[in-house]
């Protein structure tokens, strides 16, 4: 075996070791830390006891290993047994306090139940339909979780995404405007952004998008 071959084998071995260490480190970072998960459960249980009057149970934990939530890594998954709203309870690293997403999740569900049937009646089957309020909506608007009221009583502005699995049609602009009008007048949403695009099974069909903020 000549000198160049030995050097090549050595370099390859070092690279393989580095790649192996990187992969091992990545896998470890992606795994949930049991102690942290247990900690957030204990914190959430105490928070729920002091915050909610209705029976509320923790059923799992969330580990945000992809950085989707900038204010926390671990959260407890909880469910209000009275209205079956599922939400997160977590320690906010920025505000330094325990918080929850109950109001945001409850209003998302309330608004979806109010508008989705009419939207599907106009557009047919949808590829995607989702509503998103800011997760801190309940805190921002100081909503009592034991008297949550309705989204109609507040200025909180959600984002509403409608994706239809077909090519654009010349009547779509008119339909979209009717949907926005319905959301404002009939569903009673004061502010929000509505977007409608063309997607089938998660794949864009056309780059056309209808969007309105009110």
N, C-alpha and C. Protein backbone atom coordinates (compact mmCIF):
# COMPACT_ATOMS: atom_id res chain seq x y z
N UNK A 1 0.85 -1.20 0.00
CA UNK A 1 0.00 0.00 0.00
C UNK A 1 0.89 1.25 0.00
N UNK A 2 0.72 2.12 -1.00
CA UNK A 2 1.59 3.30 -1.06
C UNK A 2 1.10 4.41 -0.13
N UNK A 3 1.92 5.44 -0.05
CA UNK A 3 1.66 6.53 0.89
C UNK A 3 0.35 7.27 0.58
N UNK A 4 0.10 7.52 -0.72
CA UNK A 4 -1.12 8.24 -1.11
C UNK A 4 -2.38 7.47 -0.73
N UNK A 5 -2.32 6.17 -0.90
CA UNK A 5 -3.48 5.33 -0.54
C UNK A 5 -3.75 5.38 0.95
N UNK A 6 -2.66 5.31 1.74
CA UNK A 6 -2.80 5.37 3.19
C UNK A 6 -3.41 6.70 3.63
N UNK A 7 -2.93 7.79 3.01
CA UNK A 7 -3.47 9.11 3.34
C UNK A 7 -4.95 9.20 2.97
N UNK A 8 -5.29 8.65 1.79
CA UNK A 8 -6.68 8.66 1.34
C UNK A 8 -7.59 7.91 2.29
N UNK A 9 -7.12 6.74 2.73
CA UNK A 9 -7.91 5.93 3.68
C UNK A 9 -8.07 6.67 5.00
N UNK A 10 -6.99 7.34 5.43
CA UNK A 10 -7.04 8.08 6.68
C UNK A 10 -8.02 9.23 6.62
N UNK A 11 -7.97 9.99 5.51
CA UNK A 11 -8.89 11.12 5.34
C UNK A 11 -10.34 10.63 5.29
N UNK A 12 -10.56 9.53 4.55
CA UNK A 12 -11.91 8.97 4.45
C UNK A 12 -12.41 8.54 5.83
N UNK A 13 -11.51 7.94 6.61
CA UNK A 13 -11.89 7.49 7.95
C UNK A 13 -12.28 8.65 8.84
N UNK A 14 -11.51 9.74 8.74
CA UNK A 14 -11.82 10.92 9.56
C UNK A 14 -13.15 11.53 9.14
N UNK A 15 -13.39 11.61 7.82
CA UNK A 15 -14.66 12.15 7.33
C UNK A 15 -15.84 11.30 7.77
N UNK A 16 -15.66 9.97 7.67
CA UNK A 16 -16.73 9.05 8.08
C UNK A 16 -17.03 9.22 9.57
N UNK A 17 -15.96 9.38 10.39
CA UNK A 17 -16.14 9.57 11.83
C UNK A 17 -16.88 10.87 12.11
N UNK A 18 -16.50 11.94 11.41
CA UNK A 18 -17.14 13.25 11.60
C UNK A 18 -18.62 13.18 11.23
N UNK A 19 -18.90 12.53 10.10
CA UNK A 19 -20.30 12.39 9.66
C UNK A 19 -21.10 11.58 10.66
N UNK A 20 -20.47 10.51 11.16
CA UNK A 20 -21.14 9.67 12.15
C UNK A 20 -21.44 10.43 13.43
N UNK A 21 -20.48 11.24 13.89
CA UNK A 21 -20.67 12.04 15.10
C UNK A 21 -21.75 13.09 14.90
N UNK A 22 -21.75 13.69 13.70
CA UNK A 22 -22.76 14.70 13.38
C UNK A 22 -24.17 14.08 13.39
N UNK A 23 -24.29 12.92 12.75
CA UNK A 23 -25.60 12.23 12.69
C UNK A 23 -26.06 11.83 14.08
N UNK A 24 -25.12 11.34 14.90
CA UNK A 24 -25.48 10.95 16.26
C UNK A 24 -25.95 12.15 17.06
N UNK A 25 -25.22 13.27 16.92
CA UNK A 25 -25.59 14.49 17.63
C UNK A 25 -26.95 15.00 17.17
N UNK A 26 -27.20 14.93 15.86
CA UNK A 26 -28.47 15.40 15.31
C UNK A 26 -29.63 14.56 15.84
N UNK A 27 -29.45 13.25 15.86
CA UNK A 27 -30.49 12.34 16.36
C UNK A 27 -30.78 12.62 17.83
N UNK A 28 -29.71 12.85 18.60
CA UNK A 28 -29.89 13.12 20.03
C UNK A 28 -30.65 14.42 20.24
N UNK A 29 -30.35 15.45 19.41
CA UNK A 29 -31.03 16.74 19.52
C UNK A 29 -32.50 16.62 19.17
N UNK A 30 -32.84 15.67 18.31
CA UNK A 30 -34.22 15.50 17.88
C UNK A 30 -35.07 14.72 18.88
N UNK A 31 -34.41 14.06 19.83
CA UNK A 31 -35.13 13.25 20.81
C UNK A 31 -35.66 14.12 21.95
N UNK A 32 -36.81 13.75 22.44
CA UNK A 32 -37.39 14.45 23.57
C UNK A 32 -36.62 14.12 24.85
N UNK A 33 -36.33 15.13 25.64
CA UNK A 33 -35.69 14.96 26.93
C UNK A 33 -36.78 14.62 27.95
N UNK A 34 -36.73 13.45 28.51
CA UNK A 34 -37.78 12.99 29.42
C UNK A 34 -37.91 13.88 30.65
N UNK A 35 -36.79 14.37 31.16
CA UNK A 35 -36.83 15.25 32.33
C UNK A 35 -37.53 16.56 32.01
N UNK A 36 -37.24 17.13 30.82
CA UNK A 36 -37.88 18.39 30.42
C UNK A 36 -39.37 18.18 30.18
N UNK A 37 -39.73 17.05 29.59
CA UNK A 37 -41.13 16.74 29.34
C UNK A 37 -41.88 16.59 30.67
N UNK A 38 -41.25 15.93 31.62
CA UNK A 38 -41.86 15.74 32.94
C UNK A 38 -42.01 17.10 33.66
N UNK A 39 -41.00 17.94 33.49
CA UNK A 39 -41.01 19.26 34.13
C UNK A 39 -42.16 20.12 33.61
N UNK A 40 -42.35 20.15 32.29
CA UNK A 40 -43.41 20.99 31.74
C UNK A 40 -44.78 20.44 32.11
N UNK A 41 -44.90 19.14 32.27
CA UNK A 41 -46.17 18.55 32.71
C UNK A 41 -46.53 19.01 34.12
N UNK A 42 -45.54 19.01 35.00
CA UNK A 42 -45.76 19.44 36.39
C UNK A 42 -46.14 20.92 36.43
N UNK A 43 -45.40 21.73 35.66
CA UNK A 43 -45.71 23.16 35.60
C UNK A 43 -47.11 23.40 35.05
N UNK A 44 -47.46 22.67 34.00
CA UNK A 44 -48.76 22.85 33.36
C UNK A 44 -49.90 22.42 34.28
N UNK A 45 -49.68 21.34 35.01
CA UNK A 45 -50.71 20.86 35.93
C UNK A 45 -51.04 21.91 36.98
N UNK A 46 -50.01 22.54 37.52
CA UNK A 46 -50.21 23.58 38.52
C UNK A 46 -50.90 24.80 37.90
N UNK A 47 -50.48 25.15 36.70
CA UNK A 47 -51.07 26.29 36.00
C UNK A 47 -52.55 26.04 35.71
N UNK A 48 -52.87 24.86 35.24
CA UNK A 48 -54.26 24.52 34.92
C UNK A 48 -55.13 24.58 36.18
N UNK A 49 -54.60 24.08 37.27
CA UNK A 49 -55.35 24.06 38.53
C UNK A 49 -55.70 25.47 38.98
N UNK A 50 -54.81 26.42 38.72
CA UNK A 50 -55.01 27.80 39.15
C UNK A 50 -55.71 28.67 38.11
N UNK A 51 -55.93 28.12 36.90
CA UNK A 51 -56.46 28.94 35.81
C UNK A 51 -57.84 28.51 35.34
N UNK A 52 -58.07 27.21 35.23
CA UNK A 52 -59.31 26.70 34.65
C UNK A 52 -60.25 26.10 35.69
N UNK A 53 -61.53 26.47 35.60
CA UNK A 53 -62.54 25.90 36.49
C UNK A 53 -63.09 24.59 35.93
N UNK A 54 -63.23 24.52 34.61
CA UNK A 54 -63.71 23.29 33.98
C UNK A 54 -62.64 22.20 34.09
N UNK A 55 -63.09 20.96 34.12
CA UNK A 55 -62.15 19.85 34.14
C UNK A 55 -61.25 19.90 32.91
N UNK A 56 -59.95 19.92 33.14
CA UNK A 56 -58.97 20.00 32.06
C UNK A 56 -57.86 19.00 32.33
N UNK A 57 -57.55 18.18 31.35
CA UNK A 57 -56.58 17.10 31.54
C UNK A 57 -55.41 17.22 30.58
N UNK A 58 -54.23 16.89 31.07
CA UNK A 58 -53.04 16.82 30.22
C UNK A 58 -52.97 15.41 29.64
N UNK A 59 -52.80 15.32 28.32
CA UNK A 59 -52.79 14.00 27.70
C UNK A 59 -51.49 13.67 26.97
N UNK A 60 -50.58 14.66 26.84
CA UNK A 60 -49.32 14.39 26.14
C UNK A 60 -48.42 15.61 26.26
N UNK A 61 -47.23 15.53 25.67
CA UNK A 61 -46.33 16.68 25.62
C UNK A 61 -45.90 16.93 24.18
N UNK A 62 -45.47 18.14 23.92
CA UNK A 62 -44.97 18.52 22.61
C UNK A 62 -43.51 18.96 22.75
N UNK A 63 -42.63 18.39 21.94
CA UNK A 63 -41.24 18.82 21.88
C UNK A 63 -41.02 19.48 20.53
N UNK A 64 -40.77 20.76 20.54
CA UNK A 64 -40.60 21.51 19.30
C UNK A 64 -39.14 21.42 18.83
N UNK A 65 -38.81 20.31 18.19
CA UNK A 65 -37.43 20.10 17.74
C UNK A 65 -37.13 20.74 16.39
N UNK A 66 -38.12 21.40 15.79
CA UNK A 66 -37.92 22.04 14.49
C UNK A 66 -37.93 23.57 14.59
N UNK A 67 -38.09 24.10 15.79
CA UNK A 67 -38.08 25.55 15.96
C UNK A 67 -39.32 26.26 15.47
N UNK A 68 -40.46 25.58 15.47
CA UNK A 68 -41.70 26.20 15.01
C UNK A 68 -42.25 27.21 16.01
N UNK A 69 -41.91 27.02 17.28
CA UNK A 69 -42.38 27.92 18.33
C UNK A 69 -41.17 28.61 18.96
N UNK A 70 -40.94 29.87 18.65
CA UNK A 70 -39.73 30.55 19.14
C UNK A 70 -39.70 30.81 20.64
N UNK A 71 -40.85 30.74 21.30
CA UNK A 71 -40.88 31.09 22.73
C UNK A 71 -40.78 29.89 23.66
N UNK A 72 -40.80 28.67 23.12
CA UNK A 72 -40.66 27.50 23.98
C UNK A 72 -40.20 26.28 23.18
N UNK A 73 -39.65 25.30 23.91
CA UNK A 73 -39.28 24.02 23.30
C UNK A 73 -40.23 22.92 23.70
N UNK A 74 -40.70 22.98 24.96
CA UNK A 74 -41.58 21.94 25.48
C UNK A 74 -42.91 22.55 25.91
N UNK A 75 -43.98 21.82 25.62
CA UNK A 75 -45.32 22.24 26.03
C UNK A 75 -46.12 21.01 26.41
N UNK A 76 -47.07 21.21 27.30
CA UNK A 76 -48.00 20.14 27.65
C UNK A 76 -49.23 20.27 26.76
N UNK A 77 -49.72 19.12 26.28
CA UNK A 77 -50.96 19.11 25.51
C UNK A 77 -52.12 18.85 26.46
N UNK A 78 -53.10 19.74 26.45
CA UNK A 78 -54.22 19.64 27.38
C UNK A 78 -55.55 19.68 26.63
N UNK A 79 -56.59 19.20 27.30
CA UNK A 79 -57.93 19.22 26.71
C UNK A 79 -58.94 19.66 27.76
N UNK A 80 -59.75 20.65 27.38
CA UNK A 80 -60.87 21.06 28.21
C UNK A 80 -61.98 20.03 28.01
N UNK A 81 -62.33 19.33 29.07
CA UNK A 81 -63.28 18.23 28.96
C UNK A 81 -64.72 18.69 28.71
N UNK A 82 -65.00 19.97 28.97
CA UNK A 82 -66.35 20.48 28.76
C UNK A 82 -66.62 20.76 27.29
N UNK A 83 -65.71 21.47 26.62
CA UNK A 83 -65.94 21.81 25.21
C UNK A 83 -65.00 21.05 24.26
N UNK A 84 -64.13 20.21 24.83
CA UNK A 84 -63.22 19.34 24.06
C UNK A 84 -62.21 20.13 23.22
N UNK A 85 -61.90 21.34 23.65
CA UNK A 85 -60.86 22.11 22.98
C UNK A 85 -59.49 21.61 23.44
N UNK A 86 -58.64 21.27 22.49
CA UNK A 86 -57.28 20.84 22.79
C UNK A 86 -56.34 22.02 22.59
N UNK A 87 -55.40 22.20 23.51
CA UNK A 87 -54.53 23.37 23.46
C UNK A 87 -53.20 23.07 24.14
N UNK A 88 -52.28 24.04 24.08
CA UNK A 88 -50.95 23.88 24.65
C UNK A 88 -50.79 24.74 25.90
N UNK A 89 -50.03 24.22 26.84
CA UNK A 89 -49.64 24.98 28.03
C UNK A 89 -48.11 24.94 28.09
N UNK A 90 -47.47 26.09 28.27
CA UNK A 90 -46.02 26.14 28.17
C UNK A 90 -45.45 27.31 28.97
N UNK A 91 -44.15 27.25 29.21
CA UNK A 91 -43.45 28.37 29.85
C UNK A 91 -42.85 29.21 28.74
N UNK A 92 -43.29 30.48 28.66
CA UNK A 92 -42.81 31.39 27.63
C UNK A 92 -41.45 31.96 28.04
N UNK A 93 -40.43 31.62 27.27
CA UNK A 93 -39.08 32.05 27.61
C UNK A 93 -38.87 33.56 27.47
N UNK A 94 -39.75 34.24 26.75
CA UNK A 94 -39.63 35.68 26.59
C UNK A 94 -40.35 36.44 27.69
N UNK A 95 -41.58 36.03 28.00
CA UNK A 95 -42.35 36.72 29.04
C UNK A 95 -42.08 36.19 30.43
N UNK A 96 -41.39 35.04 30.50
CA UNK A 96 -41.02 34.42 31.78
C UNK A 96 -42.25 34.06 32.61
N UNK A 97 -43.25 33.49 31.95
CA UNK A 97 -44.44 33.06 32.67
C UNK A 97 -45.11 31.90 31.93
N UNK A 98 -45.95 31.18 32.65
CA UNK A 98 -46.72 30.11 32.04
C UNK A 98 -47.86 30.71 31.24
N UNK A 99 -48.12 30.13 30.06
CA UNK A 99 -49.16 30.62 29.17
C UNK A 99 -49.89 29.44 28.53
N UNK A 100 -50.99 29.74 27.85
CA UNK A 100 -51.72 28.68 27.15
C UNK A 100 -52.31 29.22 25.85
N UNK A 101 -52.70 28.31 24.99
CA UNK A 101 -53.27 28.68 23.68
C UNK A 101 -54.78 28.40 23.62
N UNK A 102 -55.42 28.27 24.77
CA UNK A 102 -56.81 27.84 24.82
C UNK A 102 -57.75 28.73 24.01
N UNK A 103 -57.68 30.04 24.21
CA UNK A 103 -58.59 30.94 23.51
C UNK A 103 -58.37 30.90 22.00
N UNK A 104 -57.11 30.90 21.58
CA UNK A 104 -56.81 30.83 20.15
C UNK A 104 -57.40 29.57 19.53
N UNK A 105 -57.20 28.43 20.18
CA UNK A 105 -57.70 27.16 19.66
C UNK A 105 -59.23 27.12 19.68
N UNK A 106 -59.82 27.66 20.74
CA UNK A 106 -61.28 27.64 20.86
C UNK A 106 -61.93 28.50 19.79
N UNK A 107 -61.37 29.68 19.55
CA UNK A 107 -61.94 30.58 18.54
C UNK A 107 -61.71 30.05 17.13
N UNK A 108 -60.58 29.39 16.91
CA UNK A 108 -60.34 28.77 15.60
C UNK A 108 -61.42 27.73 15.29
N UNK A 109 -61.73 26.92 16.30
CA UNK A 109 -62.74 25.88 16.12
C UNK A 109 -64.13 26.49 15.94
N UNK A 110 -64.43 27.51 16.73
CA UNK A 110 -65.73 28.18 16.63
C UNK A 110 -65.93 28.80 15.26
N UNK A 111 -64.91 29.51 14.77
CA UNK A 111 -65.01 30.17 13.48
C UNK A 111 -65.09 29.16 12.34
N UNK A 112 -64.30 28.09 12.44
CA UNK A 112 -64.34 27.05 11.39
C UNK A 112 -65.72 26.43 11.30
N UNK A 113 -66.31 26.09 12.44
CA UNK A 113 -67.64 25.50 12.44
C UNK A 113 -68.68 26.45 11.84
N UNK A 114 -68.43 27.74 11.99
CA UNK A 114 -69.39 28.73 11.50
C UNK A 114 -69.28 28.94 9.99
N UNK A 115 -68.06 28.89 9.43
CA UNK A 115 -67.90 29.29 8.03
C UNK A 115 -67.59 28.14 7.06
N UNK A 116 -67.02 27.05 7.54
CA UNK A 116 -66.60 26.00 6.61
C UNK A 116 -67.74 25.40 5.79
N UNK A 117 -68.87 25.07 6.39
CA UNK A 117 -69.96 24.48 5.59
C UNK A 117 -70.37 25.36 4.41
N UNK A 118 -70.47 26.67 4.63
CA UNK A 118 -70.87 27.58 3.56
C UNK A 118 -69.80 27.69 2.48
N UNK A 119 -68.53 27.69 2.91
CA UNK A 119 -67.43 27.77 1.94
C UNK A 119 -67.39 26.52 1.08
N UNK A 120 -67.57 25.35 1.68
CA UNK A 120 -67.59 24.10 0.91
C UNK A 120 -68.80 24.03 0.00
N UNK A 121 -69.89 24.64 0.41
CA UNK A 121 -71.09 24.67 -0.44
C UNK A 121 -70.82 25.47 -1.71
N UNK A 122 -70.02 26.52 -1.60
CA UNK A 122 -69.69 27.36 -2.75
C UNK A 122 -68.59 26.78 -3.61
N UNK A 123 -67.60 26.14 -2.97
CA UNK A 123 -66.40 25.71 -3.69
C UNK A 123 -66.28 24.20 -3.89
N UNK A 124 -67.06 23.42 -3.15
CA UNK A 124 -66.91 21.97 -3.21
C UNK A 124 -65.82 21.53 -2.24
N UNK A 125 -65.31 20.32 -2.45
CA UNK A 125 -64.29 19.76 -1.55
C UNK A 125 -63.03 20.63 -1.58
N UNK A 126 -62.44 20.81 -0.41
CA UNK A 126 -61.25 21.64 -0.28
C UNK A 126 -60.01 20.77 -0.09
N UNK A 127 -58.88 21.23 -0.58
CA UNK A 127 -57.62 20.52 -0.33
C UNK A 127 -57.12 20.86 1.06
N UNK A 128 -57.22 22.12 1.43
CA UNK A 128 -56.83 22.58 2.76
C UNK A 128 -57.79 23.65 3.23
N UNK A 129 -58.03 23.65 4.51
CA UNK A 129 -58.77 24.74 5.13
C UNK A 129 -58.30 24.86 6.57
N UNK A 130 -57.72 25.98 6.90
CA UNK A 130 -57.32 26.17 8.28
C UNK A 130 -57.40 27.63 8.69
N UNK A 131 -57.58 27.82 9.97
CA UNK A 131 -57.70 29.14 10.57
C UNK A 131 -56.65 29.24 11.66
N UNK A 132 -55.95 30.35 11.71
CA UNK A 132 -54.91 30.50 12.73
C UNK A 132 -55.00 31.87 13.40
N UNK A 133 -55.27 31.83 14.69
CA UNK A 133 -55.13 33.01 15.53
C UNK A 133 -53.74 32.99 16.15
N UNK A 134 -53.23 34.16 16.49
CA UNK A 134 -51.99 34.22 17.25
C UNK A 134 -52.16 33.42 18.53
N UNK A 135 -51.17 32.62 18.87
CA UNK A 135 -51.29 31.72 20.02
C UNK A 135 -51.50 32.46 21.33
N UNK A 136 -51.09 33.73 21.40
CA UNK A 136 -51.23 34.51 22.64
C UNK A 136 -52.48 35.38 22.62
N UNK A 137 -53.42 35.07 21.73
CA UNK A 137 -54.62 35.89 21.60
C UNK A 137 -55.36 36.09 22.92
N UNK A 138 -55.54 35.02 23.65
CA UNK A 138 -56.26 35.12 24.93
C UNK A 138 -55.58 36.05 25.91
N UNK A 139 -54.25 36.04 25.90
CA UNK A 139 -53.47 36.89 26.81
C UNK A 139 -53.49 38.33 26.31
N UNK A 140 -53.31 38.51 25.00
CA UNK A 140 -53.29 39.85 24.41
C UNK A 140 -54.59 40.59 24.67
N UNK A 141 -55.72 39.89 24.56
CA UNK A 141 -57.02 40.52 24.73
C UNK A 141 -57.62 40.31 26.12
N UNK A 142 -56.82 39.74 27.01
CA UNK A 142 -57.22 39.57 28.41
C UNK A 142 -58.57 38.86 28.54
N UNK A 143 -58.70 37.74 27.84
CA UNK A 143 -59.95 36.98 27.83
C UNK A 143 -59.94 35.98 28.98
N UNK A 144 -60.97 35.99 29.77
CA UNK A 144 -61.10 35.04 30.88
C UNK A 144 -61.40 33.66 30.29
N UNK A 145 -60.51 32.67 30.49
CA UNK A 145 -60.73 31.34 29.91
C UNK A 145 -61.95 30.62 30.48
N UNK A 146 -62.44 31.10 31.62
CA UNK A 146 -63.64 30.51 32.21
C UNK A 146 -64.92 31.20 31.73
N UNK A 147 -64.75 32.32 31.04
CA UNK A 147 -65.85 33.02 30.37
C UNK A 147 -65.32 33.48 29.01
N UNK A 148 -65.04 32.54 28.14
CA UNK A 148 -64.28 32.84 26.91
C UNK A 148 -64.99 33.67 25.87
N UNK A 149 -66.31 33.87 26.00
CA UNK A 149 -67.06 34.66 25.03
C UNK A 149 -66.84 34.13 23.61
N UNK A 150 -67.02 35.01 22.64
CA UNK A 150 -66.88 34.62 21.23
C UNK A 150 -65.86 35.51 20.54
N UNK A 151 -65.30 34.99 19.46
CA UNK A 151 -64.37 35.79 18.65
C UNK A 151 -65.04 37.07 18.16
N UNK A 152 -66.37 37.06 18.03
CA UNK A 152 -67.12 38.19 17.50
C UNK A 152 -67.00 39.44 18.37
N UNK A 153 -66.67 39.25 19.62
CA UNK A 153 -66.63 40.36 20.57
C UNK A 153 -65.27 41.04 20.64
N UNK A 154 -64.29 40.55 19.87
CA UNK A 154 -62.94 41.09 19.95
C UNK A 154 -62.40 41.44 18.57
N UNK A 155 -61.34 42.23 18.56
CA UNK A 155 -60.72 42.67 17.31
C UNK A 155 -59.61 41.74 16.82
N UNK A 156 -59.42 40.63 17.49
CA UNK A 156 -58.36 39.69 17.09
C UNK A 156 -58.55 39.27 15.64
N UNK A 157 -57.44 39.28 14.89
CA UNK A 157 -57.52 39.03 13.44
C UNK A 157 -56.83 37.72 13.07
N UNK A 158 -57.59 36.70 12.71
CA UNK A 158 -56.99 35.42 12.30
C UNK A 158 -56.60 35.42 10.83
N UNK A 159 -55.83 34.42 10.46
CA UNK A 159 -55.51 34.16 9.05
C UNK A 159 -56.32 32.94 8.62
N UNK A 160 -57.04 33.06 7.52
CA UNK A 160 -57.89 31.98 7.02
C UNK A 160 -57.36 31.53 5.66
N UNK A 161 -56.98 30.26 5.57
CA UNK A 161 -56.43 29.71 4.32
C UNK A 161 -57.43 28.75 3.68
N UNK A 162 -57.74 29.00 2.41
CA UNK A 162 -58.64 28.14 1.64
C UNK A 162 -57.87 27.66 0.41
N UNK A 163 -57.72 26.36 0.26
CA UNK A 163 -57.03 25.80 -0.90
C UNK A 163 -57.99 24.87 -1.65
N UNK A 164 -58.18 25.14 -2.94
CA UNK A 164 -59.12 24.34 -3.72
C UNK A 164 -58.35 23.51 -4.78
N UNK A 165 -58.70 22.22 -4.90
CA UNK A 165 -57.93 21.30 -5.77
C UNK A 165 -58.37 21.31 -7.23
N UNK A 166 -58.28 22.46 -7.86
CA UNK A 166 -58.65 22.56 -9.28
C UNK A 166 -57.99 23.79 -9.89
N UNK A 167 -58.15 23.91 -11.21
CA UNK A 167 -57.66 25.08 -11.93
C UNK A 167 -58.54 26.30 -11.62
N UNK A 168 -57.99 27.50 -11.76
CA UNK A 168 -58.79 28.71 -11.55
C UNK A 168 -59.97 28.79 -12.53
N UNK A 169 -61.02 29.43 -12.07
CA UNK A 169 -62.21 29.63 -12.91
C UNK A 169 -62.53 31.12 -12.95
N UNK A 170 -63.12 31.57 -14.02
CA UNK A 170 -63.39 33.00 -14.19
C UNK A 170 -64.36 33.54 -13.13
N UNK A 171 -65.13 32.65 -12.50
CA UNK A 171 -66.09 33.09 -11.48
C UNK A 171 -65.48 33.14 -10.08
N UNK A 172 -64.22 32.74 -9.96
CA UNK A 172 -63.62 32.62 -8.63
C UNK A 172 -63.49 33.95 -7.89
N UNK A 173 -63.20 35.01 -8.61
CA UNK A 173 -63.08 36.31 -7.94
C UNK A 173 -64.40 36.70 -7.28
N UNK A 174 -65.47 36.51 -8.02
CA UNK A 174 -66.80 36.81 -7.48
C UNK A 174 -67.11 35.93 -6.27
N UNK A 175 -66.79 34.64 -6.38
CA UNK A 175 -67.03 33.70 -5.27
C UNK A 175 -66.20 34.08 -4.06
N UNK A 176 -64.94 34.43 -4.31
CA UNK A 176 -64.05 34.82 -3.21
C UNK A 176 -64.59 36.05 -2.48
N UNK A 177 -65.03 37.03 -3.21
CA UNK A 177 -65.58 38.25 -2.59
C UNK A 177 -66.85 37.93 -1.79
N UNK A 178 -67.65 36.99 -2.29
CA UNK A 178 -68.84 36.57 -1.56
C UNK A 178 -68.46 35.89 -0.24
N UNK A 179 -67.41 35.07 -0.29
CA UNK A 179 -66.94 34.38 0.91
C UNK A 179 -66.45 35.39 1.96
N UNK A 180 -65.66 36.36 1.51
CA UNK A 180 -65.14 37.38 2.43
C UNK A 180 -66.29 38.17 3.04
N UNK A 181 -67.27 38.53 2.23
CA UNK A 181 -68.43 39.27 2.71
C UNK A 181 -69.20 38.44 3.74
N UNK A 182 -69.36 37.14 3.45
CA UNK A 182 -70.05 36.24 4.38
C UNK A 182 -69.32 36.16 5.72
N UNK A 183 -67.99 36.05 5.66
CA UNK A 183 -67.19 35.94 6.88
C UNK A 183 -67.34 37.21 7.73
N UNK A 184 -67.39 38.35 7.07
CA UNK A 184 -67.52 39.61 7.80
C UNK A 184 -68.93 39.82 8.34
N UNK A 185 -69.92 39.71 7.45
CA UNK A 185 -71.28 40.09 7.82
C UNK A 185 -72.04 38.98 8.55
N UNK A 186 -72.01 37.78 8.00
CA UNK A 186 -72.79 36.68 8.59
C UNK A 186 -72.08 36.01 9.76
N UNK A 187 -70.76 35.79 9.61
CA UNK A 187 -70.01 35.15 10.68
C UNK A 187 -69.55 36.15 11.73
N UNK A 188 -69.60 37.43 11.42
CA UNK A 188 -69.31 38.46 12.42
C UNK A 188 -67.85 38.62 12.78
N UNK A 189 -66.94 38.30 11.86
CA UNK A 189 -65.52 38.49 12.14
C UNK A 189 -65.14 39.94 11.81
N UNK A 190 -64.61 40.64 12.81
CA UNK A 190 -64.31 42.07 12.64
C UNK A 190 -63.08 42.31 11.77
N UNK A 191 -62.04 41.53 12.00
CA UNK A 191 -60.79 41.72 11.27
C UNK A 191 -60.18 40.36 10.93
N UNK A 192 -59.42 40.33 9.85
CA UNK A 192 -58.76 39.08 9.48
C UNK A 192 -58.18 39.16 8.08
N UNK A 193 -57.48 38.11 7.69
CA UNK A 193 -56.96 37.98 6.34
C UNK A 193 -57.45 36.66 5.78
N UNK A 194 -58.01 36.71 4.58
CA UNK A 194 -58.51 35.50 3.90
C UNK A 194 -57.69 35.29 2.64
N UNK A 195 -57.20 34.08 2.47
CA UNK A 195 -56.41 33.74 1.27
C UNK A 195 -57.03 32.52 0.60
N UNK A 196 -57.12 32.56 -0.71
CA UNK A 196 -57.62 31.41 -1.48
C UNK A 196 -56.65 31.11 -2.61
N UNK A 197 -56.17 29.86 -2.67
CA UNK A 197 -55.26 29.47 -3.75
C UNK A 197 -55.67 28.12 -4.33
N UNK A 198 -54.85 27.62 -5.25
CA UNK A 198 -55.19 26.42 -6.00
C UNK A 198 -54.13 25.34 -5.73
N UNK A 199 -54.50 24.36 -4.93
CA UNK A 199 -53.57 23.33 -4.48
C UNK A 199 -54.28 21.98 -4.49
N UNK A 200 -53.58 20.95 -4.95
CA UNK A 200 -54.13 19.59 -4.92
C UNK A 200 -53.13 18.66 -4.25
N UNK A 201 -53.56 18.04 -3.17
CA UNK A 201 -52.72 17.14 -2.38
C UNK A 201 -51.40 17.80 -1.99
N UNK A 202 -51.50 19.07 -1.62
CA UNK A 202 -50.34 19.81 -1.16
C UNK A 202 -49.46 20.39 -2.25
N UNK A 203 -49.79 20.12 -3.52
CA UNK A 203 -48.98 20.59 -4.65
C UNK A 203 -49.71 21.73 -5.36
N UNK A 204 -49.06 22.90 -5.52
CA UNK A 204 -49.71 24.02 -6.20
C UNK A 204 -50.08 23.68 -7.64
N UNK A 205 -51.29 24.03 -8.04
CA UNK A 205 -51.77 23.82 -9.41
C UNK A 205 -51.53 25.08 -10.24
N UNK A 206 -51.72 26.22 -9.60
CA UNK A 206 -51.58 27.51 -10.28
C UNK A 206 -51.05 28.51 -9.25
N UNK A 207 -50.30 29.51 -9.69
CA UNK A 207 -49.73 30.47 -8.75
C UNK A 207 -50.70 31.61 -8.41
N UNK A 208 -51.90 31.55 -8.96
CA UNK A 208 -52.91 32.56 -8.68
C UNK A 208 -53.34 32.47 -7.22
N UNK A 209 -53.47 33.62 -6.57
CA UNK A 209 -53.94 33.67 -5.19
C UNK A 209 -54.85 34.87 -5.01
N UNK A 210 -55.97 34.63 -4.34
CA UNK A 210 -56.87 35.72 -3.96
C UNK A 210 -56.63 35.99 -2.48
N UNK A 211 -56.47 37.25 -2.12
CA UNK A 211 -56.20 37.58 -0.72
C UNK A 211 -56.83 38.93 -0.37
N UNK A 212 -57.42 38.97 0.81
CA UNK A 212 -58.00 40.22 1.28
C UNK A 212 -57.85 40.33 2.79
N UNK A 213 -57.44 41.52 3.25
CA UNK A 213 -57.34 41.83 4.67
C UNK A 213 -58.35 42.90 5.01
N UNK A 214 -59.07 42.71 6.09
CA UNK A 214 -60.09 43.70 6.46
C UNK A 214 -60.00 44.00 7.96
